[in-house]
C-alpha atoms as a PDB file:
ATOM      1  CA  UNK A   1      93.643 172.395 134.188  1.00  0.00           C
ATOM      2  CA  UNK A   2      95.730 173.073 130.995  1.00  0.00           C
ATOM      3  CA  UNK A   3      94.971 172.696 127.192  1.00  0.00           C
ATOM      4  CA  UNK A   4      94.999 169.153 126.332  1.00  0.00           C
ATOM      5  CA  UNK A   5      95.330 168.774 122.360  1.00  0.00           C
ATOM      6  CA  UNK A   6      94.318 165.622 120.371  1.00  0.00           C
ATOM      7  CA  UNK A   7      96.683 165.292 117.549  1.00  0.00           C
ATOM      8  CA  UNK A   8      96.040 163.069 114.506  1.00  0.00           C
ATOM      9  CA  UNK A   9      98.763 162.446 112.021  1.00  0.00           C
ATOM     10  CA  UNK A  10      98.000 161.164 108.478  1.00  0.00           C
ATOM     11  CA  UNK A  11     100.400 160.799 105.221  1.00  0.00           C
ATOM     12  CA  UNK A  12      99.896 160.401 101.852  1.00  0.00           C
ATOM     13  CA  UNK A  13     101.932 157.563 100.220  1.00  0.00           C
ATOM     14  CA  UNK A  14     102.327 157.729  96.334  1.00  0.00           C
ATOM     15  CA  UNK A  15     104.384 155.168  94.254  1.00  0.00           C
ATOM     16  CA  UNK A  16     104.125 155.824  90.411  1.00  0.00           C
ATOM     17  CA  UNK A  17     100.339 156.172  89.829  1.00  0.00           C
ATOM     18  CA  UNK A  18      99.165 154.336  92.948  1.00  0.00           C
ATOM     19  CA  UNK A  19      98.275 155.460  96.382  1.00  0.00           C
ATOM     20  CA  UNK A  20      98.490 153.509  99.738  1.00  0.00           C
ATOM     21  CA  UNK A  21      94.922 153.272 101.274  1.00  0.00           C
ATOM     22  CA  UNK A  22      93.851 151.465 104.545  1.00  0.00           C
ATOM     23  CA  UNK A  23      90.788 149.568 104.083  1.00  0.00           C
ATOM     24  CA  UNK A  24      88.654 149.460 107.253  1.00  0.00           C
ATOM     25  CA  UNK A  25      85.228 147.282 107.493  1.00  0.00           C
ATOM     26  CA  UNK A  26      82.629 148.477 109.874  1.00  0.00           C
ATOM     27  CA  UNK A  27      79.759 146.173 109.883  1.00  0.00           C
ATOM     28  CA  UNK A  28      79.075 145.641 105.989  1.00  0.00           C
ATOM     29  CA  UNK A  29      80.728 149.006 104.972  1.00  0.00           C
ATOM     30  CA  UNK A  30      84.050 149.408 103.516  1.00  0.00           C
ATOM     31  CA  UNK A  31      85.871 152.687 104.175  1.00  0.00           C
ATOM     32  CA  UNK A  32      89.132 153.530 102.340  1.00  0.00           C
ATOM     33  CA  UNK A  33      91.270 155.931 104.440  1.00  0.00           C
ATOM     34  CA  UNK A  34      94.826 157.404 104.465  1.00  0.00           C
ATOM     35  CA  UNK A  35      97.254 155.765 106.742  1.00  0.00           C
ATOM     36  CA  UNK A  36      96.759 157.746 110.100  1.00  0.00           C
ATOM     37  CA  UNK A  37      97.107 157.593 113.625  1.00  0.00           C
ATOM     38  CA  UNK A  38      96.962 159.498 116.879  1.00  0.00           C
ATOM     39  CA  UNK A  39     100.124 161.241 118.834  1.00  0.00           C
ATOM     40  CA  UNK A  40     100.248 160.593 122.428  1.00  0.00           C
ATOM     41  CA  UNK A  41     101.686 163.003 125.037  1.00  0.00           C
ATOM     42  CA  UNK A  42     105.111 161.576 124.833  1.00  0.00           C
ATOM     43  CA  UNK A  43     105.263 162.071 120.940  1.00  0.00           C
ATOM     44  CA  UNK A  44     104.667 158.358 120.237  1.00  0.00           C
ATOM     45  CA  UNK A  45     101.928 156.705 118.380  1.00  0.00           C
ATOM     46  CA  UNK A  46      99.051 155.536 120.250  1.00  0.00           C
ATOM     47  CA  UNK A  47      97.401 152.085 120.108  1.00  0.00           C
ATOM     48  CA  UNK A  48      93.906 153.316 119.317  1.00  0.00           C
END
């Protein structure tokens, strides 16, 4: 059994004085996050 890394990639997108954020609702709570995703074993973005 080898090492199986879990890789998350994220970015910071700025235009003038604004930043791109992802709004996610869970129950009644709003979370503002950076655009991000997971990298699969073939180097492509996953669908999680």
